[in-house]
Amino acid sequence: MQQKIKESVGVLLAHIIKVDHRDIEKEAPLFCKIMGEDFGCSEEEAKAFLQEAVRKEYDLDAHIAIINQALCEDKLSKFHLLEQLNHIIYSDTISEEDYRFFEKIKEKLFSC
């Protein structure tokens, strides 16, 4: 289950980078730092994961459901995840869509 959570959190964070068409090289250090601190990923592993996540198709709602199921009773971890998501969003120009996306994720995480 830990591997699924790791993948789902990584996809969620990478999603912001992907949909905003951000520079992967510029965003990679923050992404790698978050994945390293929370999941023990090496910089190389996290960077490879980011590059793969940006290239491939995924079902974001399925990944959010995995996170929600794993953290259903753990509100502190949910807030921590939102904080990380916020760091990714604020690492570059913020759009109205970014704000709506953040609110959507917050609603989904606290729906259980």
C-alpha atoms as a PDB file:
ATOM      1  CA  MET A   1       0.000   0.000   0.000  1.00  0.00           C
ATOM      2  CA  GLN A   2       2.890   2.372   0.760  1.00  0.00           C
ATOM      3  CA  GLN A   3       4.054   2.081  -2.865  1.00  0.00           C
ATOM      4  CA  LYS A   4       0.574   2.966  -4.140  1.00  0.00           C
ATOM      5  CA  ILE A   5       0.389   6.005  -1.866  1.00  0.00           C
ATOM      6  CA  LYS A   6       3.856   7.095  -2.973  1.00  0.00           C
ATOM      7  CA  GLU A   7       2.860   6.798  -6.635  1.00  0.00           C
ATOM      8  CA  SER A   8      -0.458   8.573  -6.106  1.00  0.00           C
ATOM      9  CA  VAL A   9       1.070  11.479  -4.199  1.00  0.00           C
ATOM     10  CA  GLY A  10       3.770  11.767  -6.864  1.00  0.00           C
ATOM     11  CA  VAL A  11       1.171  11.850  -9.631  1.00  0.00           C
ATOM     12  CA  LEU A  12      -0.862  14.459  -7.768  1.00  0.00           C
ATOM     13  CA  LEU A  13       2.154  16.732  -7.331  1.00  0.00           C
ATOM     14  CA  ALA A  14       3.381  16.126 -10.886  1.00  0.00           C
ATOM     15  CA  HIS A  15      -0.073  16.923 -12.219  1.00  0.00           C
ATOM     16  CA  ILE A  16       0.361  20.629 -11.396  1.00  0.00           C
ATOM     17  CA  ILE A  17       3.658  20.707 -13.242  1.00  0.00           C
ATOM     18  CA  LYS A  18       2.123  18.919 -16.218  1.00  0.00           C
ATOM     19  CA  VAL A  19      -1.095  20.909 -16.624  1.00  0.00           C
ATOM     20  CA  ASP A  20       0.651  24.253 -16.184  1.00  0.00           C
ATOM     21  CA  HIS A  21       3.299  23.259 -18.759  1.00  0.00           C
ATOM     22  CA  ARG A  22       6.014  24.173 -16.297  1.00  0.00           C
ATOM     23  CA  ASP A  23       9.712  23.616 -16.847  1.00  0.00           C
ATOM     24  CA  ILE A  24      10.408  20.156 -15.426  1.00  0.00           C
ATOM     25  CA  GLU A  25      14.054  20.959 -14.715  1.00  0.00           C
ATOM     26  CA  LYS A  26      13.061  24.056 -12.745  1.00  0.00           C
ATOM     27  CA  GLU A  27      10.369  22.223 -10.756  1.00  0.00           C
ATOM     28  CA  ALA A  28      12.323  18.997 -10.188  1.00  0.00           C
ATOM     29  CA  PRO A  29      14.294  20.123  -7.089  1.00  0.00           C
ATOM     30  CA  LEU A  30      11.149  20.901  -5.097  1.00  0.00           C
ATOM     31  CA  PHE A  31       9.397  17.748  -6.299  1.00  0.00           C
ATOM     32  CA  CYS A  32      12.479  15.665  -5.419  1.00  0.00           C
ATOM     33  CA  LYS A  33      12.738  17.281  -2.001  1.00  0.00           C
ATOM     34  CA  ILE A  34       9.109  16.491  -1.155  1.00  0.00           C
ATOM     35  CA  MET A  35       9.310  12.914  -2.431  1.00  0.00           C
ATOM     36  CA  GLY A  36      12.608  12.401  -0.615  1.00  0.00           C
ATOM     37  CA  GLU A  37      11.359  13.724   2.718  1.00  0.00           C
ATOM     38  CA  ASP A  38       8.061  11.842   2.671  1.00  0.00           C
ATOM     39  CA  PHE A  39       8.942   8.629   0.872  1.00  0.00           C
ATOM     40  CA  GLY A  40      12.712   8.303   1.050  1.00  0.00           C
ATOM     41  CA  CYS A  41      13.122   8.669  -2.725  1.00  0.00           C
ATOM     42  CA  SER A  42      16.557   9.450  -4.003  1.00  0.00           C
ATOM     43  CA  GLU A  43      16.851  12.524  -6.189  1.00  0.00           C
ATOM     44  CA  GLU A  44      17.385  10.333  -9.257  1.00  0.00           C
ATOM     45  CA  GLU A  45      14.345   8.175  -8.486  1.00  0.00           C
ATOM     46  CA  ALA A  46      12.102  11.180  -7.866  1.00  0.00           C
ATOM     47  CA  LYS A  47      13.281  13.005 -10.982  1.00  0.00           C
ATOM     48  CA  ALA A  48      12.706   9.904 -13.130  1.00  0.00           C
ATOM     49  CA  PHE A  49       9.249   9.521 -11.602  1.00  0.00           C
ATOM     50  CA  LEU A  50       8.420  13.163 -12.340  1.00  0.00           C
ATOM     51  CA  GLN A  51       9.542  12.868 -15.947  1.00  0.00           C
ATOM     52  CA  GLU A  52       7.497   9.692 -16.414  1.00  0.00           C
ATOM     53  CA  ALA A  53       4.403  11.168 -14.736  1.00  0.00           C
ATOM     54  CA  VAL A  54       4.503  14.226 -16.973  1.00  0.00           C
ATOM     55  CA  ARG A  55       4.740  12.057 -20.113  1.00  0.00           C
ATOM     56  CA  LYS A  56       2.161   9.377 -19.377  1.00  0.00           C
ATOM     57  CA  GLU A  57      -1.608   9.389 -19.052  1.00  0.00           C
ATOM     58  CA  TYR A  58      -3.159   8.663 -15.659  1.00  0.00           C
ATOM     59  CA  ASP A  59      -6.495   8.717 -13.890  1.00  0.00           C
ATOM     60  CA  LEU A  60      -6.051  11.523 -11.381  1.00  0.00           C
ATOM     61  CA  ASP A  61      -9.349  10.743  -9.639  1.00  0.00           C
ATOM     62  CA  ALA A  62      -8.201   7.150  -9.042  1.00  0.00           C
ATOM     63  CA  HIS A  63      -4.968   8.418  -7.471  1.00  0.00           C
ATOM     64  CA  ILE A  64      -6.880  10.857  -5.275  1.00  0.00           C
ATOM     65  CA  ALA A  65      -9.154   7.995  -4.179  1.00  0.00           C
ATOM     66  CA  ILE A  66      -6.111   5.911  -3.185  1.00  0.00           C
ATOM     67  CA  ILE A  67      -4.733   8.805  -1.130  1.00  0.00           C
ATOM     68  CA  ASN A  68      -8.113   9.462   0.435  1.00  0.00           C
ATOM     69  CA  GLN A  69      -8.590   5.813   1.368  1.00  0.00           C
ATOM     70  CA  ALA A  70      -5.121   5.577   2.906  1.00  0.00           C
ATOM     71  CA  LEU A  71      -5.429   8.820   4.851  1.00  0.00           C
ATOM     72  CA  CYS A  72      -9.142   8.720   5.625  1.00  0.00           C
ATOM     73  CA  GLU A  73      -8.708   9.083   9.389  1.00  0.00           C
ATOM     74  CA  ASP A  74      -5.411  10.975   9.305  1.00  0.00           C
ATOM     75  CA  LYS A  75      -6.307  14.654   8.987  1.00  0.00           C
ATOM     76  CA  LEU A  76      -2.812  15.821   9.878  1.00  0.00           C
ATOM     77  CA  SER A  77      -1.326  13.925   6.933  1.00  0.00           C
ATOM     78  CA  LYS A  78      -4.021  15.351   4.669  1.00  0.00           C
ATOM     79  CA  PHE A  79      -3.105  18.873   5.736  1.00  0.00           C
ATOM     80  CA  HIS A  80       0.565  18.052   5.163  1.00  0.00           C
ATOM     81  CA  LEU A  81      -0.244  16.845   1.647  1.00  0.00           C
ATOM     82  CA  LEU A  82      -2.191  20.030   0.935  1.00  0.00           C
ATOM     83  CA  GLU A  83       0.776  22.038   2.168  1.00  0.00           C
ATOM     84  CA  GLN A  84       3.050  20.188  -0.246  1.00  0.00           C
ATOM     85  CA  LEU A  85       0.600  20.700  -3.089  1.00  0.00           C
ATOM     86  CA  ASN A  86       0.538  24.378  -2.207  1.00  0.00           C
ATOM     87  CA  HIS A  87       4.354  24.532  -2.383  1.00  0.00           C
ATOM     88  CA  ILE A  88       4.268  23.094  -5.893  1.00  0.00           C
ATOM     89  CA  ILE A  89       1.523  25.496  -6.966  1.00  0.00           C
ATOM     90  CA  TYR A  90       3.309  28.543  -5.544  1.00  0.00           C
ATOM     91  CA  SER A  91       6.686  27.591  -6.995  1.00  0.00           C
ATOM     92  CA  ASP A  92       5.706  29.303 -10.257  1.00  0.00           C
ATOM     93  CA  THR A  93       3.070  31.679 -11.591  1.00  0.00           C
ATOM     94  CA  ILE A  94      -0.294  30.959 -10.006  1.00  0.00           C
ATOM     95  CA  SER A  95      -3.443  30.873 -12.086  1.00  0.00           C
ATOM     96  CA  GLU A  96      -7.104  30.881 -11.178  1.00  0.00           C
ATOM     97  CA  GLU A  97      -7.203  27.273 -12.385  1.00  0.00           C
ATOM     98  CA  ASP A  98      -4.481  26.342  -9.865  1.00  0.00           C
ATOM     99  CA  TYR A  99      -6.611  27.757  -7.070  1.00  0.00           C
ATOM    100  CA  ARG A 100      -9.693  25.841  -8.258  1.00  0.00           C
ATOM    101  CA  PHE A 101      -7.639  22.645  -8.509  1.00  0.00           C
ATOM    102  CA  PHE A 102      -6.348  23.082  -4.953  1.00  0.00           C
ATOM    103  CA  GLU A 103      -9.893  23.583  -3.645  1.00  0.00           C
ATOM    104  CA  LYS A 104     -11.107  20.519  -5.565  1.00  0.00           C
ATOM    105  CA  ILE A 105      -8.377  18.354  -4.028  1.00  0.00           C
ATOM    106  CA  LYS A 106      -9.103  19.745  -0.551  1.00  0.00           C
ATOM    107  CA  GLU A 107     -12.796  18.890  -0.909  1.00  0.00           C
ATOM    108  CA  LYS A 108     -12.022  15.364  -2.106  1.00  0.00           C
ATOM    109  CA  LEU A 109      -9.500  14.686   0.654  1.00  0.00           C
ATOM    110  CA  PHE A 110     -11.873  15.731   3.386  1.00  0.00           C
ATOM    111  CA  SER A 111     -14.941  13.950   1.996  1.00  0.00           C
ATOM    112  CA  CYS A 112     -14.513  10.706   3.942  1.00  0.00           C
END
